C-alpha cells in the first residue's frame, strides 16, 4: 500500500520574495540620506547621513530609526560628506556591528569628517550646558569619539568595479561618481536577481579635478539625486562672476569670505584661485587664508591622490602635481590662534573657511566680524540648503542670528552656484540618457521643487516612470 503522499511531487524551494526599499532620509530635503534594502536574508542600508539645516530637520537626528540597528547586516557608503555618513557613529552606538563598504579614499576622508563631527557635537553640547539653551538636562552629544573609533573599525574599503557579496545573496559594485574624491554610485544585485542603483551625489563632467562620472548602465530601480533638479550651471558666467566679485571687493579695501565645504569644495576653490592668479584675472599678491583644519587635512589626501596618479583625477591635474591646488601659496590657519590672527590682516584678503552652508565651524566667527562692513563680500559657492545661514544670505537676509544675537548684513553677498560639485538637471539627464529604462526612477536628495522639476523632465524627455517618494515610504524592488 501507499498513501496519497506518495503521489505528491517533491516540494520545490520557494522563490525569493521581491526586495523591499524604505526611504529613511534624503527625501524632500538634501540632507539625511538613508535608504534600507531588505530581502529574505539580508538588510542593507545605503548611506547613513545626518540631517542638517533648520531645527525641525536636525531634531530628526535624535529620533530612533524605525529599525533595530542590530538587524542591519551591512552599510554601503557612497561618499564621505556628513549628510551621507554623519549618522554612522550613532548607528554603531545603537547596536550596529556589521561591515561598512566604501572606496579606499572614502574611508580616509570619512575618518576626518566623523572625528570633526564628534568634536563639533561635543562643543555644541558643552555650549548648551553652559548657557542652558537645550531642553536636555544635561545636553549630550549625538555620539562621541569612542563611537567614531568603533565605526572606523567596521570600514571595509573595496575597489571600484569589484563585485563583492556584502550580505547573503546581495552583490555590490561601486562605480566612480565624480562628486568628491572617492565618491561612488552603487549597484546592488539582490538574491532574486533584481537590481537597484543609487546615484549618491553625482558629480559634474566639468569638475576641474575629477574625471566625469561613470555613466549609469541600467538597473530595475534607480534612486537619483535632484539637488539641482531645477537649475542649470553656467560655468563660464560663474567664473567671471567669481573673479569680478573678488576684484570689486579688493578695490574697495574689503575682505572676501568664501564659506566652503572642507571636502572637495576647498580644493576646487583653491584650484580656481590659482588659475585666476596665474592668468592675471585677480592680483597675484592678494593673501589667501585657508581656515579649516579639516580642509587642510583633506588637502593632504587629495595631494596624495595626485602623487599616486589616481585614475579618478584628470590627467592634467596629476601632471601638474601640487600646482593644481596651490594659489601661490595660501596661508594655512591650523590653530585657533592662527584663525584669530586672520582678523588682523593689514591688507584685503581672501578667506576660505568651513562650513560651506555656514551652519557651524570657524566660518561663523568670520561672518560675525565681516558681515557688518559693506566693503566686504561673502561668496556662496555651493548649494545652500533651506534653513542654513548661507541660504538666508542668498535669499537676502538683512541680519543673521549667531551666538545668541543678530548680526547685521551690510556686506555684499554673491551667489556662484556654478562652483557646485553636484550635477545640474541637464547633467543628470546626460548621465541617464543612454541607459535602458529602469522600472522606476525615484527622485531623492532634493528640495521638493527641484525633485518635482527633474521628475517631470525624466518622464517627458526619457519616457521613464519617475516618482518623488514620501519620507518613510516603502516600495517593492522589481
Protein backbone atom coordinates (compact mmCIF):
# COMPACT_ATOMS: atom_id res chain seq x y z
CA UNK A 1 0.00 0.00 0.00
CA UNK A 2 0.98 3.58 -0.39
CA UNK A 3 -0.52 6.76 0.83
CA UNK A 4 -1.68 9.72 -1.20
CA UNK A 5 1.50 11.45 -0.11
CA UNK A 6 3.47 9.10 -2.36
CA UNK A 7 1.75 10.67 -5.37
CA UNK A 8 2.85 14.21 -4.50
CA UNK A 9 5.80 15.65 -6.44
CA UNK A 10 8.87 16.73 -4.46
CA UNK A 11 8.42 20.13 -2.86
CA UNK A 12 10.40 22.90 -4.56
CA UNK A 13 12.13 25.63 -2.64
CA UNK A 14 10.04 28.77 -2.73
CA UNK A 15 11.35 31.60 -4.91
CA UNK A 16 12.79 34.62 -3.09
CA UNK A 17 10.30 37.37 -2.45
CA UNK A 18 10.91 40.77 -4.05
CA UNK A 19 13.19 43.09 -2.13
CA UNK A 20 11.78 45.99 -0.15
CA UNK A 21 13.10 49.58 -0.23
CA UNK A 22 12.44 52.08 2.58
CA UNK A 23 13.20 55.80 2.27
CA UNK A 24 14.51 56.71 5.73
CA UNK A 25 16.04 60.07 4.82
CA UNK A 26 17.20 62.25 1.96
CA UNK A 27 13.61 62.71 0.72
CA UNK A 28 12.13 66.22 0.47
CA UNK A 29 15.49 67.55 1.64
CA UNK A 30 19.15 67.47 0.60
CA UNK A 31 20.32 66.00 3.91
CA UNK A 32 19.99 62.85 6.00
CA UNK A 33 20.41 60.32 3.17
CA UNK A 34 19.42 56.86 4.42
CA UNK A 35 17.87 54.01 2.43
CA UNK A 36 17.14 50.46 3.60
CA UNK A 37 17.11 47.47 1.25
CA UNK A 38 15.59 44.27 2.66
CA UNK A 39 15.46 40.77 1.17
CA UNK A 40 14.59 37.38 2.65
CA UNK A 41 18.13 37.02 4.03
CA UNK A 42 19.67 40.48 4.20
CA UNK A 43 19.15 44.03 5.42
CA UNK A 44 21.48 46.56 3.83
CA UNK A 45 21.48 50.30 4.46
CA UNK A 46 22.78 52.59 1.70
CA UNK A 47 24.22 55.79 3.20
CA UNK A 48 23.58 56.89 6.77
CA UNK A 49 23.77 60.66 6.95
CA UNK A 50 22.92 63.45 9.35
CA UNK A 51 20.03 65.82 8.83
CA UNK A 52 21.26 69.42 8.68
CA UNK A 53 19.60 72.81 8.36
CA UNK A 54 16.57 74.06 10.31
CA UNK A 55 15.83 72.79 13.82
CA UNK A 56 12.88 70.65 12.73
CA UNK A 57 15.22 68.68 10.45
CA UNK A 58 18.06 68.43 12.96
CA UNK A 59 15.64 67.06 15.56
CA UNK A 60 15.17 64.02 13.34
CA UNK A 61 18.74 63.01 14.22
CA UNK A 62 17.55 62.38 17.78
CA UNK A 63 14.60 60.18 16.82
CA UNK A 64 15.19 56.42 16.85
CA UNK A 65 15.25 54.84 13.42
CA UNK A 66 12.26 52.58 12.57
CA UNK A 67 14.55 49.54 12.67
CA UNK A 68 16.81 47.69 15.06
CA UNK A 69 20.43 48.56 14.17
CA UNK A 70 21.43 45.08 15.41
CA UNK A 71 19.48 43.64 12.46
CA UNK A 72 21.31 45.60 9.75
CA UNK A 73 23.79 43.27 8.03
CA UNK A 74 25.86 45.88 6.20
CA UNK A 75 26.05 49.53 5.15
CA UNK A 76 27.10 50.87 1.76
CA UNK A 77 28.62 54.35 1.93
CA UNK A 78 28.64 56.25 -1.38
CA UNK A 79 30.91 59.05 -0.15
CA UNK A 80 32.17 60.88 2.92
CA UNK A 81 30.06 64.02 3.14
CA UNK A 82 28.34 64.44 6.50
CA UNK A 83 24.83 64.24 5.07
CA UNK A 84 25.68 60.72 3.84
CA UNK A 85 27.99 59.35 6.56
CA UNK A 86 27.40 61.51 9.64
CA UNK A 87 24.88 59.26 11.41
CA UNK A 88 27.06 56.11 11.22
CA UNK A 89 28.67 56.51 14.67
CA UNK A 90 25.20 56.81 16.20
CA UNK A 91 24.10 53.67 14.35
CA UNK A 92 27.08 51.90 15.94
CA UNK A 93 26.26 53.30 19.39
CA UNK A 94 22.73 51.90 19.00
CA UNK A 95 23.95 48.40 18.13
CA UNK A 96 25.09 48.11 14.51
CA UNK A 97 28.22 45.95 14.22
CA UNK A 98 28.35 44.93 10.56
CA UNK A 99 30.76 45.96 7.79
CA UNK A 100 30.61 49.37 6.07
CA UNK A 101 31.64 49.15 2.41
CA UNK A 102 33.12 52.12 0.58
CA UNK A 103 36.07 53.08 -1.61
CA UNK A 104 39.53 53.46 -0.01
CA UNK A 105 39.54 57.26 -0.43
CA UNK A 106 36.06 57.48 1.11
CA UNK A 107 37.35 55.54 4.13
CA UNK A 108 40.21 58.01 4.58
CA UNK A 109 38.05 61.10 4.23
CA UNK A 110 35.26 59.66 6.41
CA UNK A 111 37.68 59.43 9.33
CA UNK A 112 38.39 63.17 9.08
CA UNK A 113 34.74 64.11 8.66
CA UNK A 114 33.45 61.97 11.52
CA UNK A 115 36.16 62.97 14.00
CA UNK A 116 35.44 66.61 13.22
CA UNK A 117 31.71 65.96 13.61
CA UNK A 118 32.21 64.36 17.03
CA UNK A 119 34.30 67.37 18.07
CA UNK A 120 31.61 69.84 16.97
CA UNK A 121 28.84 67.81 18.65
CA UNK A 122 30.83 67.80 21.88
CA UNK A 123 31.38 71.56 21.69
CA UNK A 124 27.68 72.14 20.96
CA UNK A 125 26.63 70.09 24.00
CA UNK A 126 29.12 71.91 26.22
CA UNK A 127 27.85 75.28 24.99
CA UNK A 128 24.24 74.22 25.60
CA UNK A 129 25.06 73.14 29.15
CA UNK A 130 26.96 76.35 29.86
CA UNK A 131 24.19 78.62 28.61
CA UNK A 132 21.17 76.43 29.37
CA UNK A 133 19.52 76.58 25.93
CA UNK A 134 18.96 72.82 25.46
CA UNK A 135 15.80 71.08 26.62
CA UNK A 136 18.01 68.14 27.66
CA UNK A 137 19.47 68.22 31.19
CA UNK A 138 22.32 67.72 30.69
CA UNK A 139 22.76 68.06 26.94
CA UNK A 140 24.76 65.17 25.49
CA UNK A 141 26.31 64.84 22.04
CA UNK A 142 24.64 62.57 19.50
CA UNK A 143 27.84 60.50 19.56
CA UNK A 144 31.42 60.82 20.75
CA UNK A 145 34.99 59.91 19.81
CA UNK A 146 34.60 56.35 21.10
CA UNK A 147 31.65 55.78 18.77
CA UNK A 148 33.72 57.09 15.86
CA UNK A 149 36.58 54.74 16.81
CA UNK A 150 34.17 51.79 16.83
CA UNK A 151 32.75 52.79 13.46
CA UNK A 152 36.17 53.15 11.82
CA UNK A 153 36.96 49.54 12.73
CA UNK A 154 33.98 48.47 10.62
CA UNK A 155 35.05 50.19 7.39
CA UNK A 156 35.75 47.73 4.57
CA UNK A 157 37.32 49.52 1.58
CA UNK A 158 36.69 47.91 -1.82
CA UNK A 159 37.89 48.95 -5.26
CA UNK A 160 35.66 50.46 -7.90
CA UNK A 161 34.03 47.89 -10.17
CA UNK A 162 34.89 44.92 -7.96
CA UNK A 163 31.85 42.62 -7.34
CA UNK A 164 31.56 41.99 -3.60
CA UNK A 165 29.00 39.87 -1.76
CA UNK A 166 28.16 42.13 1.16
CA UNK A 167 25.30 40.06 2.64
CA UNK A 168 23.74 36.68 1.80
CA UNK A 169 22.69 36.83 -1.85
CA UNK A 170 23.46 40.56 -2.21
CA UNK A 171 26.30 41.67 -4.50
CA UNK A 172 27.64 45.24 -4.60
CA UNK A 173 29.55 47.08 -7.30
CA UNK A 174 30.75 50.66 -6.77
CA UNK A 175 31.29 52.99 -9.73
CA UNK A 176 33.09 56.34 -9.95
CA UNK A 177 30.63 59.21 -9.30
CA UNK A 178 32.95 62.21 -9.76
CA UNK A 179 31.45 64.26 -6.91
CA UNK A 180 34.36 64.25 -4.44
CA UNK A 181 37.47 62.13 -4.21
CA UNK A 182 36.37 58.54 -3.52
CA UNK A 183 32.69 59.16 -4.28
CA UNK A 184 30.77 56.36 -5.96
CA UNK A 185 27.37 55.35 -7.19
CA UNK A 186 26.25 51.94 -6.02
CA UNK A 187 24.70 48.99 -7.89
CA UNK A 188 23.18 46.11 -5.90
CA UNK A 189 22.12 42.72 -7.28
CA UNK A 190 19.68 41.06 -4.89
CA UNK A 191 19.06 37.37 -4.24
CA UNK A 192 16.04 37.24 -6.57
CA UNK A 193 18.13 38.75 -9.39
CA UNK A 194 16.57 42.21 -9.18
CA UNK A 195 18.93 45.18 -9.34
CA UNK A 196 18.83 48.60 -7.69
CA UNK A 197 21.19 51.53 -8.14
CA UNK A 198 21.86 54.62 -6.02
CA UNK A 199 23.44 57.69 -7.60
CA UNK A 200 24.71 59.04 -4.28
CA UNK A 201 25.81 62.60 -5.02
CA UNK A 202 26.50 62.75 -8.72
CA UNK A 203 29.44 64.81 -9.90
CA UNK A 204 29.85 67.00 -12.95
CA UNK A 205 31.54 66.18 -16.26
CA UNK A 206 33.41 69.50 -15.97
CA UNK A 207 34.77 69.05 -12.44
CA UNK A 208 38.22 70.71 -12.59
CA UNK A 209 39.96 67.93 -10.65
CA UNK A 210 37.95 64.71 -11.07
CA UNK A 211 37.15 62.66 -14.15
CA UNK A 212 33.47 62.52 -15.23
CA UNK A 213 31.10 60.07 -13.52
CA UNK A 214 30.92 56.58 -14.95
CA UNK A 215 27.62 56.52 -16.88
CA UNK A 216 24.58 54.77 -15.50
CA UNK A 217 24.24 51.42 -17.28
CA UNK A 218 20.88 50.21 -16.03
CA UNK A 219 19.01 48.71 -13.08
CA UNK A 220 15.45 47.66 -12.30
CA UNK A 221 15.15 50.52 -9.79
CA UNK A 222 17.19 53.72 -9.58
CA UNK A 223 17.45 56.38 -6.89
CA UNK A 224 18.92 59.59 -8.34
CA UNK A 225 19.76 62.84 -6.59
CA UNK A 226 17.90 66.03 -7.53
CA UNK A 227 19.83 68.72 -5.61
CA UNK A 228 19.95 70.96 -8.69
CA UNK A 229 16.95 69.36 -10.37
CA UNK A 230 15.53 72.74 -11.43
CA UNK A 231 18.77 74.58 -12.17
CA UNK A 232 21.46 74.98 -14.80
CA UNK A 233 25.15 75.67 -14.07
CA UNK A 234 26.66 78.31 -16.32
CA UNK A 235 30.34 77.62 -15.79
CA UNK A 236 31.82 80.45 -17.84
CA UNK A 237 29.50 83.04 -16.32
CA UNK A 238 30.24 81.69 -12.84
CA UNK A 239 33.98 82.10 -13.32
CA UNK A 240 33.55 85.69 -14.50
CA UNK A 241 31.11 86.40 -11.66
CA UNK A 242 33.59 84.93 -9.14
CA UNK A 243 36.57 86.97 -10.39
CA UNK A 244 34.55 90.18 -10.67
CA UNK A 245 33.32 89.84 -7.08
CA UNK A 246 36.88 89.34 -5.81
CA UNK A 247 38.25 92.33 -7.74
CA UNK A 248 35.33 94.57 -6.78
CA UNK A 249 35.87 93.78 -3.10
CA UNK A 250 39.64 94.26 -3.18
CA UNK A 251 39.20 97.62 -4.94
CA UNK A 252 37.12 98.97 -2.07
CA UNK A 253 39.55 97.64 0.54
CA UNK A 254 37.40 94.76 1.76
CA UNK A 255 37.88 91.08 2.50
CA UNK A 256 36.32 88.16 0.58
CA UNK A 257 34.91 85.37 2.73
CA UNK A 258 34.17 82.07 0.97
CA UNK A 259 32.21 79.58 3.12
CA UNK A 260 33.45 76.31 1.66
CA UNK A 261 32.87 72.65 2.39
CA UNK A 262 36.08 71.19 3.80
CA UNK A 263 35.90 68.19 1.46
CA UNK A 264 36.34 68.93 -2.28
CA UNK A 265 34.92 72.47 -2.40
CA UNK A 266 38.02 73.94 -0.78
CA UNK A 267 40.15 72.07 -3.33
CA UNK A 268 38.04 73.40 -6.21
CA UNK A 269 38.14 76.98 -4.87
CA UNK A 270 41.93 76.85 -4.44
CA UNK A 271 42.29 75.47 -7.95
CA UNK A 272 40.21 78.36 -9.31
CA UNK A 273 42.12 80.96 -7.32
CA UNK A 274 45.41 79.52 -8.58
CA UNK A 275 44.17 79.77 -12.17
CA UNK A 276 42.87 83.33 -11.71
CA UNK A 277 46.20 84.41 -10.24
CA UNK A 278 48.19 82.65 -12.95
CA UNK A 279 46.21 84.35 -15.73
CA UNK A 280 46.27 87.77 -14.05
CA UNK A 281 42.49 87.95 -13.59
CA UNK A 282 42.93 88.69 -9.89
CA UNK A 283 46.02 90.21 -8.24
CA UNK A 284 48.74 87.64 -7.65
CA UNK A 285 49.66 89.41 -4.42
CA UNK A 286 46.32 89.03 -2.62
CA UNK A 287 46.72 86.86 0.51
CA UNK A 288 44.63 83.68 0.61
CA UNK A 289 43.89 82.08 4.00
CA UNK A 290 42.54 78.56 4.40
CA UNK A 291 40.90 78.46 7.84
CA UNK A 292 39.66 74.91 8.36
CA UNK A 293 41.77 72.20 9.97
CA UNK A 294 39.68 69.50 8.29
CA UNK A 295 40.04 71.14 4.88
CA UNK A 296 43.80 71.24 5.34
CA UNK A 297 43.88 67.55 6.26
CA UNK A 298 41.66 66.75 3.28
CA UNK A 299 44.06 68.66 1.04
CA UNK A 300 46.76 66.18 2.03
CA UNK A 301 44.54 63.29 0.92
CA UNK A 302 43.92 64.99 -2.43
CA UNK A 303 47.64 65.68 -2.77
CA UNK A 304 48.37 62.00 -2.09
CA UNK A 305 45.88 61.06 -4.83
CA UNK A 306 47.70 63.42 -7.20
CA UNK A 307 51.08 61.93 -6.25
CA UNK A 308 49.88 58.36 -6.91
CA UNK A 309 48.16 59.45 -10.12
CA UNK A 310 44.72 58.25 -9.10
CA UNK A 311 42.63 57.31 -12.17
CA UNK A 312 39.76 59.30 -10.63
CA UNK A 313 41.72 62.53 -11.20
CA UNK A 314 42.06 64.30 -14.52
CA UNK A 315 45.41 63.58 -16.23
CA UNK A 316 46.25 67.28 -16.42
CA UNK A 317 45.86 67.51 -12.63
CA UNK A 318 48.22 64.62 -11.91
CA UNK A 319 50.72 66.04 -14.40
CA UNK A 320 50.56 69.47 -12.72
CA UNK A 321 51.24 67.97 -9.29
CA UNK A 322 50.98 70.31 -6.31
CA UNK A 323 50.42 73.32 -8.57
CA UNK A 324 46.82 72.21 -9.08
CA UNK A 325 45.90 73.25 -5.53
CA UNK A 326 48.36 76.00 -4.69
CA UNK A 327 47.29 79.63 -5.21
CA UNK A 328 50.92 80.80 -4.94
CA UNK A 329 50.74 80.00 -1.96
CA UNK A 330 47.91 80.08 0.58
CA UNK A 331 48.37 80.56 4.31
CA UNK A 332 47.08 77.72 6.47
CA UNK A 333 45.37 78.53 9.77
CA UNK A 334 45.61 75.34 11.76
CA UNK A 335 45.27 76.51 15.35
CA UNK A 336 42.54 78.67 16.86
CA UNK A 337 45.22 81.33 17.49
CA UNK A 338 46.16 81.35 13.79
CA UNK A 339 42.47 81.56 12.92
CA UNK A 340 42.02 84.57 15.20
CA UNK A 341 45.13 86.15 13.67
CA UNK A 342 43.45 86.38 10.27
CA UNK A 343 41.32 89.15 11.71
CA UNK A 344 44.40 91.33 11.93
CA UNK A 345 45.35 91.11 8.25
CA UNK A 346 46.59 94.61 7.34
CA UNK A 347 45.62 94.23 3.67
CA UNK A 348 42.49 92.98 1.88
CA UNK A 349 42.45 89.20 1.69
CA UNK A 350 40.52 86.08 0.65
CA UNK A 351 39.42 83.74 3.45
CA UNK A 352 38.27 80.20 2.63
CA UNK A 353 36.64 78.64 5.69
CA UNK A 354 34.25 75.83 6.62
CA UNK A 355 31.41 75.04 6.82
CA UNK A 356 30.04 75.55 3.33
CA UNK A 357 26.48 76.33 4.47
CA UNK A 358 27.77 78.38 7.43
CA UNK A 359 25.99 76.12 9.89
CA UNK A 360 29.00 75.93 12.20
CA UNK A 361 32.77 75.95 12.37
CA UNK A 362 35.23 78.81 12.07
CA UNK A 363 33.39 80.50 9.21
CA UNK A 364 30.74 81.68 11.69
CA UNK A 365 33.34 83.76 13.56
CA UNK A 366 34.42 85.37 10.29
CA UNK A 367 30.81 86.12 9.34
CA UNK A 368 30.23 87.79 12.69
CA UNK A 369 33.20 90.06 12.07
CA UNK A 370 32.83 90.75 8.34
CA UNK A 371 29.09 90.99 7.68
CA UNK A 372 28.55 94.45 9.25
CA UNK A 373 31.11 96.12 6.91
CA UNK A 374 29.84 97.00 3.38
CA UNK A 375 33.37 96.83 1.98
CA UNK A 376 33.41 93.03 2.46
CA UNK A 377 31.88 90.27 0.36
CA UNK A 378 30.58 86.79 1.17
CA UNK A 379 30.87 84.45 -1.83
CA UNK A 380 28.49 81.46 -1.68
CA UNK A 381 29.99 78.76 -3.94
CA UNK A 382 27.82 75.72 -3.28
CA UNK A 383 24.30 74.54 -2.65
CA UNK A 384 22.72 76.36 0.29
CA UNK A 385 20.00 74.24 1.89
CA UNK A 386 16.84 75.73 3.32
CA UNK A 387 17.28 76.84 6.94
CA UNK A 388 21.05 77.42 6.77
CA UNK A 389 22.83 80.76 7.19
CA UNK A 390 24.19 80.50 3.66
CA UNK A 391 20.66 80.14 2.28
CA UNK A 392 19.47 83.07 4.38
CA UNK A 393 22.24 85.21 2.88
CA UNK A 394 21.40 84.13 -0.68
CA UNK A 395 17.72 84.91 -0.01
CA UNK A 396 18.58 88.46 1.08
CA UNK A 397 18.54 88.31 4.89
CA UNK A 398 19.39 91.65 6.48
CA UNK A 399 20.51 90.08 9.76
CA UNK A 400 21.82 86.64 10.76
CA UNK A 401 21.41 85.01 14.13
CA UNK A 402 24.59 83.67 15.69
CA UNK A 403 25.95 83.26 19.20
CA UNK A 404 22.67 84.28 20.77
CA UNK A 405 22.21 87.56 18.92
CA UNK A 406 21.70 89.09 15.48
CA UNK A 407 24.47 90.42 13.24
CA UNK A 408 23.52 92.99 10.56
CA UNK A 409 24.22 92.02 6.94
CA UNK A 410 25.79 95.01 5.22
CA UNK A 411 28.44 93.11 3.28
CA UNK A 412 27.84 92.24 -0.37
CA UNK A 413 26.55 88.67 -0.89
CA UNK A 414 27.34 86.93 -4.19
CA UNK A 415 25.88 83.54 -5.13
CA UNK A 416 28.02 81.49 -7.56
CA UNK A 417 26.21 78.13 -7.90
CA UNK A 418 28.33 77.07 -10.89
CA UNK A 419 31.06 76.03 -8.45
CA UNK A 420 28.87 73.26 -7.07
CA UNK A 421 30.16 69.69 -7.36
CA UNK A 422 26.56 68.45 -7.87
CA UNK A 423 25.33 67.69 -11.38
CA UNK A 424 22.64 70.06 -12.61
CA UNK A 425 19.42 68.88 -14.30
CA UNK A 426 20.95 68.65 -17.80
CA UNK A 427 23.95 66.74 -16.46
CA UNK A 428 21.78 64.24 -14.60
CA UNK A 429 19.77 63.64 -17.78
CA UNK A 430 23.02 63.21 -19.70
CA UNK A 431 24.14 60.59 -17.17
CA UNK A 432 20.89 58.67 -17.68
CA UNK A 433 20.21 59.15 -21.36
CA UNK A 434 22.00 56.16 -22.92
CA UNK A 435 20.90 53.59 -20.31
CA UNK A 436 17.99 51.15 -20.60
CA UNK A 437 14.89 52.39 -18.79
CA UNK A 438 14.55 51.25 -15.16
CA UNK A 439 11.17 50.06 -13.95
CA UNK A 440 11.04 53.11 -11.67
CA UNK A 441 13.27 56.12 -11.01
CA UNK A 442 12.93 57.72 -7.56
CA UNK A 443 13.98 61.35 -7.19
CA UNK A 444 15.73 61.84 -3.85
CA UNK A 445 18.21 64.23 -2.17
CA UNK A 446 16.46 67.39 -3.31
CA UNK A 447 14.12 70.06 -2.09
CA UNK A 448 10.54 69.49 -3.31
CA UNK A 449 10.67 71.93 -6.24
CA UNK A 450 13.95 70.51 -7.55
CA UNK A 451 12.82 66.89 -7.24
CA UNK A 452 9.49 67.52 -8.95
CA UNK A 453 11.05 69.52 -11.78
CA UNK A 454 13.58 66.78 -12.53
CA UNK A 455 10.88 64.10 -12.23
CA UNK A 456 8.87 65.83 -14.96
CA UNK A 457 11.88 66.14 -17.24
CA UNK A 458 12.79 62.46 -16.86
CA UNK A 459 9.20 61.43 -17.57
CA UNK A 460 8.79 63.76 -20.55
CA UNK A 461 12.23 63.61 -22.16
CA UNK A 462 13.18 59.98 -21.48
CA UNK A 463 9.71 58.48 -21.15
CA UNK A 464 10.67 56.78 -17.89
CA UNK A 465 8.44 56.06 -14.90
CA UNK A 466 9.64 58.69 -12.40
CA UNK A 467 8.39 59.22 -8.84
CA UNK A 468 9.15 61.56 -5.93
CA UNK A 469 8.77 59.30 -2.86
CA UNK A 470 7.49 60.32 0.55
CA UNK A 471 9.61 60.16 3.73
CA UNK A 472 9.27 56.71 5.28
CA UNK A 473 7.62 55.23 2.19
CA UNK A 474 8.23 51.52 1.44
CA UNK A 475 8.18 50.08 -2.09
CA UNK A 476 8.97 46.76 -3.76
CA UNK A 477 12.15 46.39 -5.81
CA UNK A 478 11.14 44.87 -9.15
